[in-house]
Structure formats: structure tokens, C-alpha cells
Amino acid sequence: MTNPTKSELRRFTLLARDVGCLACRKDGRANFADIHHLVEGGRRRGHSESAPLCPWHHRGIKPDPSKSVILNEQMFGPSLARSKREFVARYGTERELVKLADKLLAKVETNIVGRVA
């Protein structure tokens, strides 16, 4: 995969900082995020097909390291990396998350333009 362009880097920043983890958001929590790239057919799609997920929902890194994976899953929901089927059932497919990320990003960008004007 190629390095992200300036526009794609801006997308990543806004998604991670201003949109936050989509799974946490669906559960009523706010959380910072990594950038998850859509994977279809075993292949990672381009940088523009990405969605924000926190380290737990994205990579399975426990939010509470003192607790077991099972307890973390009970407290924070399933992780895409650890329980993809359960993750998709609760939060939607990767494609659906990218569409939601695009929709929320458009709102963030509209607010940024409104603040500058």
C-alpha cells in the first residue's frame, strides 16, 4: 500500500480525534481511535476506505489489562481482531463502518468550515 496523501492524513486525524471509535460511540462512550483500513477478500483497501476504532475494538488490546479478555469483552463489547463475527453482529460490517465514518467526517468538516467562516 502506498503512503497516505496529505488529504488522507487529514482524514485520519479528523477520524481519530473528532469522530472517535465508532464501536464505543454505538455503545454510548467516547474514545480516541486508531485507523482501521477496510479489508475485503483478504486485501486491505485504500486509505480512503478506513474507519476509526479504539485499540480494543481494532486490535484487541485490553482497555483494562488487569482483567481477562472475557471480562473486557463483557465490559467493552467484542473486538474485531478477537471476535469478528460477534463484532459485526453488534457494530456492523467493516463496509458499514466506513460509510458511517464518511458520514460523520462530513459533519466534522462542515463544522470546521463553519468555525473558520
C-alpha atoms as a PDB file:
ATOM      1  CA  MET A   1       0.000   0.000   0.000  1.00  0.00           C
ATOM      2  CA  THR A   2       1.222   3.486  -0.793  1.00  0.00           C
ATOM      3  CA  ASN A   3       1.899   6.162   1.791  1.00  0.00           C
ATOM      4  CA  PRO A   4      -1.147   8.285   2.608  1.00  0.00           C
ATOM      5  CA  THR A   5      -1.530  11.634   0.868  1.00  0.00           C
ATOM      6  CA  LYS A   6      -1.966  14.902   2.813  1.00  0.00           C
ATOM      7  CA  SER A   7      -5.712  14.607   2.329  1.00  0.00           C
ATOM      8  CA  GLU A   8      -5.733  11.031   3.629  1.00  0.00           C
ATOM      9  CA  LEU A   9      -3.596  12.012   6.643  1.00  0.00           C
ATOM     10  CA  ARG A  10      -6.085  14.790   7.391  1.00  0.00           C
ATOM     11  CA  ARG A  11      -8.883  12.203   7.191  1.00  0.00           C
ATOM     12  CA  PHE A  12      -7.055  10.003   9.714  1.00  0.00           C
ATOM     13  CA  THR A  13      -6.537  12.912  12.117  1.00  0.00           C
ATOM     14  CA  LEU A  14     -10.162  14.036  11.979  1.00  0.00           C
ATOM     15  CA  LEU A  15     -11.491  10.492  12.339  1.00  0.00           C
ATOM     16  CA  ALA A  16      -9.246   9.643  15.280  1.00  0.00           C
ATOM     17  CA  ARG A  17      -9.591  12.968  17.087  1.00  0.00           C
ATOM     18  CA  ASP A  18     -13.049  14.292  16.247  1.00  0.00           C
ATOM     19  CA  VAL A  19     -15.127  11.211  15.411  1.00  0.00           C
ATOM     20  CA  GLY A  20     -13.513   8.640  17.716  1.00  0.00           C
ATOM     21  CA  CYS A  21     -14.132   4.928  17.959  1.00  0.00           C
ATOM     22  CA  LEU A  22     -17.354   4.027  16.153  1.00  0.00           C
ATOM     23  CA  ALA A  23     -17.943   0.921  18.271  1.00  0.00           C
ATOM     24  CA  CYS A  24     -17.561   2.869  21.531  1.00  0.00           C
ATOM     25  CA  ARG A  25     -19.797   5.590  20.092  1.00  0.00           C
ATOM     26  CA  LYS A  26     -22.517   2.998  19.364  1.00  0.00           C
ATOM     27  CA  ASP A  27     -22.226   1.840  22.985  1.00  0.00           C
ATOM     28  CA  GLY A  28     -22.634   5.412  24.274  1.00  0.00           C
ATOM     29  CA  ARG A  29     -18.969   6.010  25.131  1.00  0.00           C
ATOM     30  CA  ALA A  30     -16.416   8.396  23.676  1.00  0.00           C
ATOM     31  CA  ASN A  31     -12.930   7.093  22.962  1.00  0.00           C
ATOM     32  CA  PHE A  32      -9.901   8.012  20.889  1.00  0.00           C
ATOM     33  CA  ALA A  33      -9.210   5.808  17.901  1.00  0.00           C
ATOM     34  CA  ASP A  34      -6.752   4.007  15.683  1.00  0.00           C
ATOM     35  CA  ILE A  35      -7.458   3.946  11.976  1.00  0.00           C
ATOM     36  CA  HIS A  36      -8.778   0.632  10.691  1.00  0.00           C
ATOM     37  CA  HIS A  37      -8.469   0.013   6.955  1.00  0.00           C
ATOM     38  CA  LEU A  38     -11.279  -1.901   5.300  1.00  0.00           C
ATOM     39  CA  VAL A  39     -10.283  -5.460   4.420  1.00  0.00           C
ATOM     40  CA  GLU A  40     -12.229  -7.293   1.718  1.00  0.00           C
ATOM     41  CA  GLY A  41     -11.305 -10.554   0.076  1.00  0.00           C
ATOM     42  CA  GLY A  42      -8.234 -10.773   2.282  1.00  0.00           C
ATOM     43  CA  ARG A  43      -6.904  -7.493   0.887  1.00  0.00           C
ATOM     44  CA  ARG A  44      -6.556  -4.161   2.601  1.00  0.00           C
ATOM     45  CA  ARG A  45      -8.359  -1.426   0.694  1.00  0.00           C
ATOM     46  CA  GLY A  46      -7.071   2.112   0.200  1.00  0.00           C
ATOM     47  CA  HIS A  47      -6.537   4.756   2.860  1.00  0.00           C
ATOM     48  CA  SER A  48      -9.837   6.445   1.995  1.00  0.00           C
ATOM     49  CA  GLU A  49     -11.692   3.268   2.978  1.00  0.00           C
ATOM     50  CA  SER A  50     -10.997   3.476   6.674  1.00  0.00           C
ATOM     51  CA  ALA A  51     -12.859   3.857   9.953  1.00  0.00           C
ATOM     52  CA  PRO A  52     -11.866   4.862  13.475  1.00  0.00           C
ATOM     53  CA  LEU A  53     -11.747   2.129  16.124  1.00  0.00           C
ATOM     54  CA  CYS A  54     -10.076   2.263  19.540  1.00  0.00           C
ATOM     55  CA  PRO A  55      -7.170  -0.133  20.275  1.00  0.00           C
ATOM     56  CA  TRP A  56      -9.565  -2.645  21.872  1.00  0.00           C
ATOM     57  CA  HIS A  57     -12.131  -2.748  19.076  1.00  0.00           C
ATOM     58  CA  HIS A  58      -9.437  -2.577  16.384  1.00  0.00           C
ATOM     59  CA  ARG A  59      -6.532  -4.691  17.642  1.00  0.00           C
ATOM     60  CA  GLY A  60      -7.854  -6.413  20.758  1.00  0.00           C
ATOM     61  CA  ILE A  61      -5.649  -4.511  23.216  1.00  0.00           C
ATOM     62  CA  LYS A  62      -7.431  -4.764  26.567  1.00  0.00           C
ATOM     63  CA  PRO A  63      -8.676  -1.424  27.960  1.00  0.00           C
ATOM     64  CA  ASP A  64      -8.342  -2.889  31.458  1.00  0.00           C
ATOM     65  CA  PRO A  65      -5.174  -5.016  31.466  1.00  0.00           C
ATOM     66  CA  SER A  66      -5.901  -6.253  34.994  1.00  0.00           C
ATOM     67  CA  LYS A  67      -8.972  -8.115  33.735  1.00  0.00           C
ATOM     68  CA  SER A  68      -9.291 -11.119  31.440  1.00  0.00           C
ATOM     69  CA  VAL A  69     -10.185 -10.843  27.780  1.00  0.00           C
ATOM     70  CA  ILE A  70     -13.631 -12.238  28.597  1.00  0.00           C
ATOM     71  CA  LEU A  71     -14.280  -9.556  31.226  1.00  0.00           C
ATOM     72  CA  ASN A  72     -13.014  -6.819  28.890  1.00  0.00           C
ATOM     73  CA  GLU A  73     -15.348  -8.139  26.224  1.00  0.00           C
ATOM     74  CA  GLN A  74     -18.256  -8.085  28.674  1.00  0.00           C
ATOM     75  CA  MET A  75     -17.447  -4.501  29.690  1.00  0.00           C
ATOM     76  CA  PHE A  76     -16.473  -3.024  26.293  1.00  0.00           C
ATOM     77  CA  GLY A  77     -18.022  -5.307  23.685  1.00  0.00           C
ATOM     78  CA  PRO A  78     -16.362  -7.602  21.157  1.00  0.00           C
ATOM     79  CA  SER A  79     -13.092  -6.788  19.438  1.00  0.00           C
ATOM     80  CA  LEU A  80     -12.814  -7.015  15.644  1.00  0.00           C
ATOM     81  CA  ALA A  81      -9.396  -8.662  15.998  1.00  0.00           C
ATOM     82  CA  ARG A  82     -10.533 -11.209  18.581  1.00  0.00           C
ATOM     83  CA  SER A  83     -14.195 -11.916  17.743  1.00  0.00           C
ATOM     84  CA  LYS A  84     -15.019 -10.707  14.249  1.00  0.00           C
ATOM     85  CA  ARG A  85     -18.395 -12.465  13.977  1.00  0.00           C
ATOM     86  CA  GLU A  86     -19.615 -11.022  17.299  1.00  0.00           C
ATOM     87  CA  PHE A  87     -18.150  -7.603  16.437  1.00  0.00           C
ATOM     88  CA  VAL A  88     -20.016  -7.478  13.107  1.00  0.00           C
ATOM     89  CA  ALA A  89     -23.267  -8.629  14.728  1.00  0.00           C
ATOM     90  CA  ARG A  90     -23.071  -5.821  17.288  1.00  0.00           C
ATOM     91  CA  TYR A  91     -21.499  -2.934  15.350  1.00  0.00           C
ATOM     92  CA  GLY A  92     -21.959  -3.723  11.651  1.00  0.00           C
ATOM     93  CA  THR A  93     -19.699  -4.794   8.824  1.00  0.00           C
ATOM     94  CA  GLU A  94     -16.435  -3.051   8.063  1.00  0.00           C
ATOM     95  CA  ARG A  95     -18.057  -1.575   4.932  1.00  0.00           C
ATOM     96  CA  GLU A  96     -20.941  -0.201   7.031  1.00  0.00           C
ATOM     97  CA  LEU A  97     -18.467   1.333   9.487  1.00  0.00           C
ATOM     98  CA  VAL A  98     -16.578   3.037   6.654  1.00  0.00           C
ATOM     99  CA  LYS A  99     -19.873   4.524   5.390  1.00  0.00           C
ATOM    100  CA  LEU A 100     -20.722   5.743   8.886  1.00  0.00           C
ATOM    101  CA  ALA A 101     -17.217   7.192   9.255  1.00  0.00           C
ATOM    102  CA  ASP A 102     -17.635   9.067   5.961  1.00  0.00           C
ATOM    103  CA  LYS A 103     -20.992  10.464   7.101  1.00  0.00           C
ATOM    104  CA  LEU A 104     -19.651  11.623  10.484  1.00  0.00           C
ATOM    105  CA  LEU A 105     -16.492  13.006   8.869  1.00  0.00           C
ATOM    106  CA  ALA A 106     -18.623  15.150   6.550  1.00  0.00           C
ATOM    107  CA  LYS A 107     -20.351  16.634   9.619  1.00  0.00           C
ATOM    108  CA  VAL A 108     -16.995  17.323  11.292  1.00  0.00           C
ATOM    109  CA  GLU A 109     -15.667  19.027   8.164  1.00  0.00           C
ATOM    110  CA  THR A 110     -18.838  21.151   7.887  1.00  0.00           C
ATOM    111  CA  ASN A 111     -18.347  22.291  11.498  1.00  0.00           C
ATOM    112  CA  ILE A 112     -14.694  23.145  10.816  1.00  0.00           C
ATOM    113  CA  VAL A 113     -15.648  25.255   7.779  1.00  0.00           C
ATOM    114  CA  GLY A 114     -18.372  26.958   9.855  1.00  0.00           C
ATOM    115  CA  ARG A 115     -15.841  27.880  12.558  1.00  0.00           C
ATOM    116  CA  VAL A 116     -13.431  29.373  10.011  1.00  0.00           C
ATOM    117  CA  ALA A 117     -16.041  31.440   8.176  1.00  0.00           C
END
